[in-house]
C-alpha cells in the first residue's frame, strides 16, 4: 500500500503528557510507559485525528523546514515502532 492509503491515529487507552524535550506516553491497557523526542511529539499530537505517513511527513517538514522526502523515512520508522508497540490504530483509508 502507498503511504497515503493507510491512516494512523492514537489509541484511546494511551494517555500522554509533555515532558522536557518531548512527550511521555502511558499505555493504560498494558501499563507500559514510552517517551518520544520533540519531533515524535509533533507526530503524536498530529495523530489525534487520522493521518497518513505522507500527511505526517508534510507536517514535520513544515514545522522544521526540511524537505518532505528527507523526513519521510524517519516518520515511517517511527510509525512502524508505534504500530509494533500497539500505541496507534491503523486503518486502510487515510483522511482527505
PDB file of N, CA and C in Angstrom:
ATOM      1  N   UNK A   1       0.820  -1.184   0.000  1.00  0.00           N
ATOM      2  CA  UNK A   1       0.000   0.000   0.000  1.00  0.00           C
ATOM      3  C   UNK A   1       0.860   1.241   0.000  1.00  0.00           C
ATOM      4  N   UNK A   2       0.354   2.284  -0.606  1.00  0.00           N
ATOM      5  CA  UNK A   2       1.063   3.550  -0.616  1.00  0.00           C
ATOM      6  C   UNK A   2       0.928   4.234   0.732  1.00  0.00           C
ATOM      7  N   UNK A   3       1.855   5.157   0.994  1.00  0.00           N
ATOM      8  CA  UNK A   3       1.841   5.893   2.253  1.00  0.00           C
ATOM      9  C   UNK A   3       0.554   6.663   2.473  1.00  0.00           C
ATOM     10  N   UNK A   4      -0.134   7.026   1.404  1.00  0.00           N
ATOM     11  CA  UNK A   4      -1.345   7.826   1.542  1.00  0.00           C
ATOM     12  C   UNK A   4      -2.610   6.977   1.645  1.00  0.00           C
ATOM     13  N   UNK A   5      -2.500   5.645   1.525  1.00  0.00           N
ATOM     14  CA  UNK A   5      -3.677   4.771   1.566  1.00  0.00           C
ATOM     15  C   UNK A   5      -3.992   4.238   2.955  1.00  0.00           C
ATOM     16  N   UNK A   6      -3.088   4.405   3.886  1.00  0.00           N
ATOM     17  CA  UNK A   6      -3.273   3.906   5.243  1.00  0.00           C
ATOM     18  C   UNK A   6      -3.206   5.104   6.189  1.00  0.00           C
ATOM     19  N   UNK A   7      -4.104   5.121   7.175  1.00  0.00           N
ATOM     20  CA  UNK A   7      -4.048   6.204   8.158  1.00  0.00           C
ATOM     21  C   UNK A   7      -3.827   5.632   9.548  1.00  0.00           C
ATOM     22  N   UNK A   8      -3.330   6.476  10.415  1.00  0.00           N
ATOM     23  CA  UNK A   8      -2.982   6.100  11.776  1.00  0.00           C
ATOM     24  C   UNK A   8      -3.600   7.113  12.728  1.00  0.00           C
ATOM     25  N   UNK A   9      -3.973   6.651  13.900  1.00  0.00           N
ATOM     26  CA  UNK A   9      -4.495   7.527  14.937  1.00  0.00           C
ATOM     27  C   UNK A   9      -4.151   6.951  16.301  1.00  0.00           C
ATOM     28  N   UNK A  10      -4.079   7.817  17.312  1.00  0.00           N
ATOM     29  CA  UNK A  10      -3.738   7.348  18.652  1.00  0.00           C
ATOM     30  C   UNK A  10      -4.854   6.468  19.200  1.00  0.00           C
ATOM     31  N   UNK A  11      -4.478   5.492  20.001  1.00  0.00           N
ATOM     32  CA  UNK A  11      -5.470   4.653  20.669  1.00  0.00           C
ATOM     33  C   UNK A  11      -6.039   5.395  21.866  1.00  0.00           C
ATOM     34  N   UNK A  12      -7.297   5.154  22.159  1.00  0.00           N
ATOM     35  CA  UNK A  12      -7.978   5.830  23.258  1.00  0.00           C
ATOM     36  C   UNK A  12      -7.398   5.487  24.627  1.00  0.00           C
ATOM     37  N   UNK A  13      -6.795   4.322  24.760  1.00  0.00           N
ATOM     38  CA  UNK A  13      -6.274   3.911  26.066  1.00  0.00           C
ATOM     39  C   UNK A  13      -4.797   4.243  26.253  1.00  0.00           C
ATOM     40  N   UNK A  14      -4.290   5.172  25.436  1.00  0.00           N
ATOM     41  CA  UNK A  14      -2.927   5.672  25.605  1.00  0.00           C
ATOM     42  C   UNK A  14      -3.024   7.155  25.962  1.00  0.00           C
ATOM     43  N   UNK A  15      -2.540   7.500  27.138  1.00  0.00           N
ATOM     44  CA  UNK A  15      -2.548   8.892  27.581  1.00  0.00           C
ATOM     45  C   UNK A  15      -1.146   9.456  27.423  1.00  0.00           C
ATOM     46  N   UNK A  16      -1.064  10.782  27.351  1.00  0.00           N
ATOM     47  CA  UNK A  16       0.249  11.390  27.161  1.00  0.00           C
ATOM     48  C   UNK A  16       0.354  12.702  27.910  1.00  0.00           C
ATOM     49  N   UNK A  17       1.593  13.103  28.154  1.00  0.00           N
ATOM     50  CA  UNK A  17       1.878  14.345  28.852  1.00  0.00           C
ATOM     51  C   UNK A  17       3.204  14.894  28.349  1.00  0.00           C
ATOM     52  N   UNK A  18       3.287  16.211  28.296  1.00  0.00           N
ATOM     53  CA  UNK A  18       4.542  16.844  27.910  1.00  0.00           C
ATOM     54  C   UNK A  18       5.607  16.600  28.967  1.00  0.00           C
ATOM     55  N   UNK A  19       6.808  16.332  28.515  1.00  0.00           N
ATOM     56  CA  UNK A  19       7.981  16.230  29.379  1.00  0.00           C
ATOM     57  C   UNK A  19       9.071  17.067  28.722  1.00  0.00           C
ATOM     58  N   UNK A  20      10.146  17.272  29.426  1.00  0.00           N
ATOM     59  CA  UNK A  20      11.239  18.064  28.868  1.00  0.00           C
ATOM     60  C   UNK A  20      11.708  17.446  27.550  1.00  0.00           C
ATOM     61  N   UNK A  21      11.705  18.237  26.498  1.00  0.00           N
ATOM     62  CA  UNK A  21      12.179  17.831  25.168  1.00  0.00           C
ATOM     63  C   UNK A  21      11.357  16.734  24.512  1.00  0.00           C
ATOM     64  N   UNK A  22      10.079  16.584  24.871  1.00  0.00           N
ATOM     65  CA  UNK A  22       9.287  15.552  24.211  1.00  0.00           C
ATOM     66  C   UNK A  22       7.953  15.305  24.864  1.00  0.00           C
ATOM     67  N   UNK A  23       7.564  14.045  24.827  1.00  0.00           N
ATOM     68  CA  UNK A  23       6.258  13.650  25.333  1.00  0.00           C
ATOM     69  C   UNK A  23       6.375  12.257  25.946  1.00  0.00           C
ATOM     70  N   UNK A  24       5.606  12.020  27.007  1.00  0.00           N
ATOM     71  CA  UNK A  24       5.563  10.704  27.645  1.00  0.00           C
ATOM     72  C   UNK A  24       4.219  10.064  27.339  1.00  0.00           C
ATOM     73  N   UNK A  25       4.242   8.793  26.991  1.00  0.00           N
ATOM     74  CA  UNK A  25       3.035   8.040  26.674  1.00  0.00           C
ATOM     75  C   UNK A  25       2.867   6.932  27.700  1.00  0.00           C
ATOM     76  N   UNK A  26       1.640   6.700  28.123  1.00  0.00           N
ATOM     77  CA  UNK A  26       1.353   5.590  29.024  1.00  0.00           C
ATOM     78  C   UNK A  26       0.224   4.777  28.426  1.00  0.00           C
ATOM     79  N   UNK A  27       0.531   3.531  28.128  1.00  0.00           N
ATOM     80  CA  UNK A  27      -0.469   2.590  27.629  1.00  0.00           C
ATOM     81  C   UNK A  27      -1.196   2.039  28.845  1.00  0.00           C
ATOM     82  N   UNK A  28      -2.410   2.530  29.086  1.00  0.00           N
ATOM     83  CA  UNK A  28      -3.169   2.149  30.271  1.00  0.00           C
ATOM     84  C   UNK A  28      -3.588   0.683  30.246  1.00  0.00           C
ATOM     85  N   UNK A  29      -3.764   0.147  29.059  1.00  0.00           N
ATOM     86  CA  UNK A  29      -4.174  -1.251  28.923  1.00  0.00           C
ATOM     87  C   UNK A  29      -3.082  -2.206  29.395  1.00  0.00           C
ATOM     88  N   UNK A  30      -1.840  -1.867  29.069  1.00  0.00           N
ATOM     89  CA  UNK A  30      -0.719  -2.757  29.391  1.00  0.00           C
ATOM     90  C   UNK A  30       0.187  -2.209  30.486  1.00  0.00           C
ATOM     91  N   UNK A  31      -0.094  -0.982  30.962  1.00  0.00           N
ATOM     92  CA  UNK A  31       0.723  -0.349  32.000  1.00  0.00           C
ATOM     93  C   UNK A  31       2.177  -0.206  31.566  1.00  0.00           C
ATOM     94  N   UNK A  32       2.389   0.257  30.332  1.00  0.00           N
ATOM     95  CA  UNK A  32       3.732   0.420  29.779  1.00  0.00           C
ATOM     96  C   UNK A  32       3.937   1.887  29.426  1.00  0.00           C
ATOM     97  N   UNK A  33       5.120   2.398  29.732  1.00  0.00           N
ATOM     98  CA  UNK A  33       5.480   3.800  29.574  1.00  0.00           C
ATOM     99  C   UNK A  33       6.479   3.949  28.423  1.00  0.00           C
ATOM    100  N   UNK A  34       6.268   4.990  27.594  1.00  0.00           N
ATOM    101  CA  UNK A  34       7.151   5.267  26.462  1.00  0.00           C
ATOM    102  C   UNK A  34       7.443   6.763  26.441  1.00  0.00           C
ATOM    103  N   UNK A  35       8.553   7.152  25.848  1.00  0.00           N
ATOM    104  CA  UNK A  35       8.833   8.570  25.631  1.00  0.00           C
ATOM    105  C   UNK A  35       9.175   8.799  24.165  1.00  0.00           C
ATOM    106  N   UNK A  36       8.843   9.995  23.685  1.00  0.00           N
ATOM    107  CA  UNK A  36       9.178  10.423  22.329  1.00  0.00           C
ATOM    108  C   UNK A  36       9.889  11.766  22.417  1.00  0.00           C
ATOM    109  N   UNK A  37      10.833  12.003  21.505  1.00  0.00           N
ATOM    110  CA  UNK A  37      11.515  13.291  21.463  1.00  0.00           C
ATOM    111  C   UNK A  37      10.579  14.356  20.884  1.00  0.00           C
ATOM    112  N   UNK A  38      11.079  15.555  20.691  1.00  0.00           N
ATOM    113  CA  UNK A  38      10.258  16.660  20.208  1.00  0.00           C
ATOM    114  C   UNK A  38       9.596  16.398  18.871  1.00  0.00           C
ATOM    115  N   UNK A  39      10.321  15.822  17.943  1.00  0.00           N
ATOM    116  CA  UNK A  39       9.748  15.500  16.639  1.00  0.00           C
ATOM    117  C   UNK A  39       8.690  14.413  16.777  1.00  0.00           C
ATOM    118  N   UNK A  40       8.973  13.417  17.585  1.00  0.00           N
ATOM    119  CA  UNK A  40       7.988  12.374  17.849  1.00  0.00           C
ATOM    120  C   UNK A  40       6.730  12.940  18.482  1.00  0.00           C
ATOM    121  N   UNK A  41       6.901  13.952  19.341  1.00  0.00           N
ATOM    122  CA  UNK A  41       5.752  14.598  19.973  1.00  0.00           C
ATOM    123  C   UNK A  41       4.881  15.310  18.951  1.00  0.00           C
ATOM    124  N   UNK A  42       5.511  15.943  17.968  1.00  0.00           N
ATOM    125  CA  UNK A  42       4.754  16.597  16.889  1.00  0.00           C
ATOM    126  C   UNK A  42       3.934  15.556  16.126  1.00  0.00           C
ATOM    127  N   UNK A  43       4.551  14.434  15.829  1.00  0.00           N
ATOM    128  CA  UNK A  43       3.856  13.353  15.123  1.00  0.00           C
ATOM    129  C   UNK A  43       2.709  12.840  15.988  1.00  0.00           C
ATOM    130  N   UNK A  44       2.981  12.571  17.271  1.00  0.00           N
ATOM    131  CA  UNK A  44       1.955  12.021  18.154  1.00  0.00           C
ATOM    132  C   UNK A  44       0.741  12.946  18.230  1.00  0.00           C
ATOM    133  N   UNK A  45       0.974  14.231  18.452  1.00  0.00           N
ATOM    134  CA  UNK A  45      -0.140  15.183  18.547  1.00  0.00           C
ATOM    135  C   UNK A  45      -0.925  15.246  17.241  1.00  0.00           C
ATOM    136  N   UNK A  46      -0.238  15.080  16.139  1.00  0.00           N
ATOM    137  CA  UNK A  46      -0.910  15.101  14.831  1.00  0.00           C
ATOM    138  C   UNK A  46      -1.824  13.899  14.659  1.00  0.00           C
ATOM    139  N   UNK A  47      -1.547  12.832  15.377  1.00  0.00           N
ATOM    140  CA  UNK A  47      -2.328  11.597  15.245  1.00  0.00           C
ATOM    141  C   UNK A  47      -3.609  11.600  16.074  1.00  0.00           C
ATOM    142  N   UNK A  48      -3.940  12.728  16.674  1.00  0.00           N
ATOM    143  CA  UNK A  48      -5.225  12.807  17.378  1.00  0.00           C
ATOM    144  C   UNK A  48      -6.373  12.694  16.369  1.00  0.00           C
ATOM    145  N   UNK A  49      -6.099  13.043  15.127  1.00  0.00           N
ATOM    146  CA  UNK A  49      -7.007  12.819  14.003  1.00  0.00           C
ATOM    147  C   UNK A  49      -6.271  11.901  13.029  1.00  0.00           C
ATOM    148  N   UNK A  50      -6.986  11.027  12.305  1.00  0.00           N
ATOM    149  CA  UNK A  50      -6.301  10.099  11.387  1.00  0.00           C
ATOM    150  C   UNK A  50      -5.422  10.821  10.370  1.00  0.00           C
ATOM    151  N   UNK A  51      -4.200  10.325  10.228  1.00  0.00           N
ATOM    152  CA  UNK A  51      -3.236  10.896   9.281  1.00  0.00           C
ATOM    153  C   UNK A  51      -2.478   9.772   8.605  1.00  0.00           C
ATOM    154  N   UNK A  52      -2.109  10.014   7.353  1.00  0.00           N
ATOM    155  CA  UNK A  52      -1.244   9.078   6.633  1.00  0.00           C
ATOM    156  C   UNK A  52       0.214   9.437   6.919  1.00  0.00           C
ATOM    157  N   UNK A  53       1.120   8.556   6.549  1.00  0.00           N
ATOM    158  CA  UNK A  53       2.546   8.856   6.705  1.00  0.00           C
ATOM    159  C   UNK A  53       2.911  10.077   5.856  1.00  0.00           C
ATOM    160  N   UNK A  54       2.348  10.188   4.666  1.00  0.00           N
ATOM    161  CA  UNK A  54       2.601  11.361   3.825  1.00  0.00           C
ATOM    162  C   UNK A  54       2.136  12.639   4.520  1.00  0.00           C
ATOM    163  N   UNK A  55       0.934  12.593   5.138  1.00  0.00           N
ATOM    164  CA  UNK A  55       0.429  13.752   5.886  1.00  0.00           C
ATOM    165  C   UNK A  55       1.399  14.137   6.998  1.00  0.00           C
ATOM    166  N   UNK A  56       1.853  13.141   7.740  1.00  0.00           N
ATOM    167  CA  UNK A  56       2.755  13.385   8.862  1.00  0.00           C
ATOM    168  C   UNK A  56       4.090  13.960   8.399  1.00  0.00           C
ATOM    169  N   UNK A  57       4.619  13.453   7.303  1.00  0.00           N
ATOM    170  CA  UNK A  57       5.878  13.975   6.761  1.00  0.00           C
ATOM    171  C   UNK A  57       5.711  15.435   6.353  1.00  0.00           C
ATOM    172  N   UNK A  58       4.576  15.762   5.801  1.00  0.00           N
ATOM    173  CA  UNK A  58       4.301  17.147   5.408  1.00  0.00           C
ATOM    174  C   UNK A  58       4.239  18.061   6.636  1.00  0.00           C
ATOM    175  N   UNK A  59       3.601  17.590   7.700  1.00  0.00           N
ATOM    176  CA  UNK A  59       3.502  18.365   8.940  1.00  0.00           C
ATOM    177  C   UNK A  59       4.889  18.612   9.530  1.00  0.00           C
ATOM    178  N   UNK A  60       5.695  17.561   9.620  1.00  0.00           N
ATOM    179  CA  UNK A  60       7.048  17.683  10.172  1.00  0.00           C
ATOM    180  C   UNK A  60       7.908  18.569   9.276  1.00  0.00           C
ATOM    181  N   UNK A  61       7.769  18.411   7.977  1.00  0.00           N
ATOM    182  CA  UNK A  61       8.514  19.221   7.020  1.00  0.00           C
ATOM    183  C   UNK A  61       8.230  20.708   7.217  1.00  0.00           C
ATOM    184  N   UNK A  62       6.966  21.039   7.357  1.00  0.00           N
ATOM    185  CA  UNK A  62       6.582  22.441   7.549  1.00  0.00           C
ATOM    186  C   UNK A  62       7.044  22.972   8.902  1.00  0.00           C
ATOM    187  N   UNK A  63       6.958  22.155   9.935  1.00  0.00           N
ATOM    188  CA  UNK A  63       7.345  22.586  11.287  1.00  0.00           C
ATOM    189  C   UNK A  63       8.844  22.843  11.392  1.00  0.00           C
ATOM    190  N   UNK A  64       9.653  21.975  10.781  1.00  0.00           N
ATOM    191  CA  UNK A  64      11.099  22.056  10.946  1.00  0.00           C
ATOM    192  C   UNK A  64      11.849  22.574   9.717  1.00  0.00           C
ATOM    193  N   UNK A  65      11.123  22.903   8.650  1.00  0.00           N
ATOM    194  CA  UNK A  65      11.768  23.463   7.461  1.00  0.00           C
ATOM    195  C   UNK A  65      12.694  22.505   6.742  1.00  0.00           C
ATOM    196  N   UNK A  66      12.317  21.228   6.709  1.00  0.00           N
ATOM    197  CA  UNK A  66      13.107  20.230   5.977  1.00  0.00           C
ATOM    198  C   UNK A  66      12.273  19.698   4.811  1.00  0.00           C
ATOM    199  N   UNK A  67      12.948  19.100   3.859  1.00  0.00           N
ATOM    200  CA  UNK A  67      12.272  18.524   2.704  1.00  0.00           C
ATOM    201  C   UNK A  67      11.454  17.303   3.140  1.00  0.00           C
ATOM    202  N   UNK A  68      10.247  17.197   2.602  1.00  0.00           N
ATOM    203  CA  UNK A  68       9.363  16.079   2.951  1.00  0.00           C
ATOM    204  C   UNK A  68      10.030  14.736   2.686  1.00  0.00           C
ATOM    205  N   UNK A  69      10.690  14.609   1.546  1.00  0.00           N
ATOM    206  CA  UNK A  69      11.357  13.347   1.215  1.00  0.00           C
ATOM    207  C   UNK A  69      12.480  13.014   2.200  1.00  0.00           C
ATOM    208  N   UNK A  70      13.067  14.042   2.789  1.00  0.00           N
ATOM    209  CA  UNK A  70      14.150  13.830   3.746  1.00  0.00           C
ATOM    210  C   UNK A  70      13.621  13.245   5.060  1.00  0.00           C
ATOM    211  N   UNK A  71      12.456  13.688   5.496  1.00  0.00           N
ATOM    212  CA  UNK A  71      11.954  13.206   6.786  1.00  0.00           C
ATOM    213  C   UNK A  71      11.042  11.983   6.661  1.00  0.00           C
ATOM    214  N   UNK A  72      10.608  11.655   5.452  1.00  0.00           N
ATOM    215  CA  UNK A  72       9.700  10.528   5.252  1.00  0.00           C
ATOM    216  C   UNK A  72      10.212   9.205   5.820  1.00  0.00           C
ATOM    217  N   UNK A  73      11.474   8.826   5.609  1.00  0.00           N
ATOM    218  CA  UNK A  73      11.951   7.546   6.178  1.00  0.00           C
ATOM    219  C   UNK A  73      11.896   7.523   7.706  1.00  0.00           C
ATOM    220  N   UNK A  74      12.224   8.643   8.345  1.00  0.00           N
ATOM    221  CA  UNK A  74      12.195   8.693   9.807  1.00  0.00           C
ATOM    222  C   UNK A  74      10.767   8.627  10.336  1.00  0.00           C
ATOM    223  N   UNK A  75       9.842   9.312   9.667  1.00  0.00           N
ATOM    224  CA  UNK A  75       8.438   9.278  10.072  1.00  0.00           C
ATOM    225  C   UNK A  75       7.892   7.863   9.909  1.00  0.00           C
ATOM    226  N   UNK A  76       8.225   7.243   8.803  1.00  0.00           N
ATOM    227  CA  UNK A  76       7.783   5.877   8.537  1.00  0.00           C
ATOM    228  C   UNK A  76       8.314   4.915   9.607  1.00  0.00           C
ATOM    229  N   UNK A  77       9.580   5.069   9.984  1.00  0.00           N
ATOM    230  CA  UNK A  77      10.177   4.214  11.017  1.00  0.00           C
ATOM    231  C   UNK A  77       9.497   4.436  12.369  1.00  0.00           C
ATOM    232  N   UNK A  78       9.199   5.689  12.699  1.00  0.00           N
ATOM    233  CA  UNK A  78       8.515   5.979  13.956  1.00  0.00           C
ATOM    234  C   UNK A  78       7.127   5.353  13.972  1.00  0.00           C
ATOM    235  N   UNK A  79       6.394   5.499  12.883  1.00  0.00           N
ATOM    236  CA  UNK A  79       5.054   4.911  12.805  1.00  0.00           C
ATOM    237  C   UNK A  79       5.136   3.389  12.934  1.00  0.00           C
ATOM    238  N   UNK A  80       6.118   2.786  12.292  1.00  0.00           N
ATOM    239  CA  UNK A  80       6.301   1.334  12.423  1.00  0.00           C
ATOM    240  C   UNK A  80       6.490   0.938  13.890  1.00  0.00           C
ATOM    241  N   UNK A  81       7.279   1.722  14.627  1.00  0.00           N
ATOM    242  CA  UNK A  81       7.510   1.432  16.039  1.00  0.00           C
ATOM    243  C   UNK A  81       6.235   1.617  16.860  1.00  0.00           C
ATOM    244  N   UNK A  82       5.475   2.682  16.569  1.00  0.00           N
ATOM    245  CA  UNK A  82       4.227   2.926  17.298  1.00  0.00           C
ATOM    246  C   UNK A  82       3.211   1.822  17.036  1.00  0.00           C
ATOM    247  N   UNK A  83       3.177   1.331  15.799  1.00  0.00           N
ATOM    248  CA  UNK A  83       2.279   0.224  15.456  1.00  0.00           C
ATOM    249  C   UNK A  83       2.737  -1.045  16.168  1.00  0.00           C
ATOM    250  N   UNK A  84       4.038  -1.315  16.125  1.00  0.00           N
ATOM    251  CA  UNK A  84       4.583  -2.507  16.777  1.00  0.00           C
ATOM    252  C   UNK A  84       4.288  -2.511  18.273  1.00  0.00           C
ATOM    253  N   UNK A  85       4.368  -1.345  18.904  1.00  0.00           N
ATOM    254  CA  UNK A  85       4.102  -1.221  20.342  1.00  0.00           C
ATOM    255  C   UNK A  85       2.610  -1.094  20.644  1.00  0.00           C
ATOM    256  N   UNK A  86       1.794  -1.131  19.596  1.00  0.00           N
ATOM    257  CA  UNK A  86       0.329  -1.060  19.713  1.00  0.00           C
ATOM    258  C   UNK A  86      -0.150   0.227  20.373  1.00  0.00           C
ATOM    259  N   UNK A  87       0.512   1.331  20.012  1.00  0.00           N
ATOM    260  CA  UNK A  87       0.143   2.644  20.556  1.00  0.00           C
ATOM    261  C   UNK A  87      -0.778   3.413  19.624  1.00  0.00           C
ATOM    262  N   UNK A  88      -0.862   2.981  18.369  1.00  0.00           N
ATOM    263  CA  UNK A  88      -1.730   3.645  17.393  1.00  0.00           C
ATOM    264  C   UNK A  88      -2.630   2.622  16.717  1.00  0.00           C
ATOM    265  N   UNK A  89      -3.746   3.114  16.198  1.00  0.00           N
ATOM    266  CA  UNK A  89      -4.651   2.291  15.398  1.00  0.00           C
ATOM    267  C   UNK A  89      -4.331   2.523  13.925  1.00  0.00           C
ATOM    268  N   UNK A  90      -4.529   1.488  13.129  1.00  0.00           N
ATOM    269  CA  UNK A  90      -4.276   1.543  11.694  1.00  0.00           C
ATOM    270  C   UNK A  90      -5.591   1.320  10.962  1.00  0.00           C
ATOM    271  N   UNK A  91      -5.839   2.145   9.952  1.00  0.00           N
ATOM    272  CA  UNK A  91      -7.000   1.908   9.099  1.00  0.00           C
ATOM    273  C   UNK A  91      -6.568   2.014   7.644  1.00  0.00           C
ATOM    274  N   UNK A  92      -7.348   1.426   6.758  1.00  0.00           N
ATOM    275  CA  UNK A  92      -6.982   1.374   5.346  1.00  0.00           C
ATOM    276  C   UNK A  92      -7.413   2.592   4.545  1.00  0.00           C
ATOM    277  N   UNK A  93      -8.011   3.576   5.180  1.00  0.00           N
ATOM    278  CA  UNK A  93      -8.391   4.783   4.477  1.00  0.00           C
ATOM    279  C   UNK A  93      -7.782   5.973   5.169  1.00  0.00           C
ATOM    280  N   UNK A  94      -6.953   6.724   4.467  1.00  0.00           N
ATOM    281  CA  UNK A  94      -6.360   7.927   5.021  1.00  0.00           C
ATOM    282  C   UNK A  94      -7.349   9.074   4.947  1.00  0.00           C
ATOM    283  N   UNK A  95      -7.139  10.059   5.797  1.00  0.00           N
ATOM    284  CA  UNK A  95      -8.013  11.241   5.763  1.00  0.00           C
ATOM    285  C   UNK A  95      -7.733  12.051   4.522  1.00  0.00           C
ATOM    286  N   UNK A  96      -8.732  12.768   4.085  1.00  0.00           N
ATOM    287  CA  UNK A  96      -8.575  13.582   2.883  1.00  0.00           C
ATOM    288  C   UNK A  96      -8.066  14.949   3.248  1.00  0.00           C
TER     289      UNK A  96
END
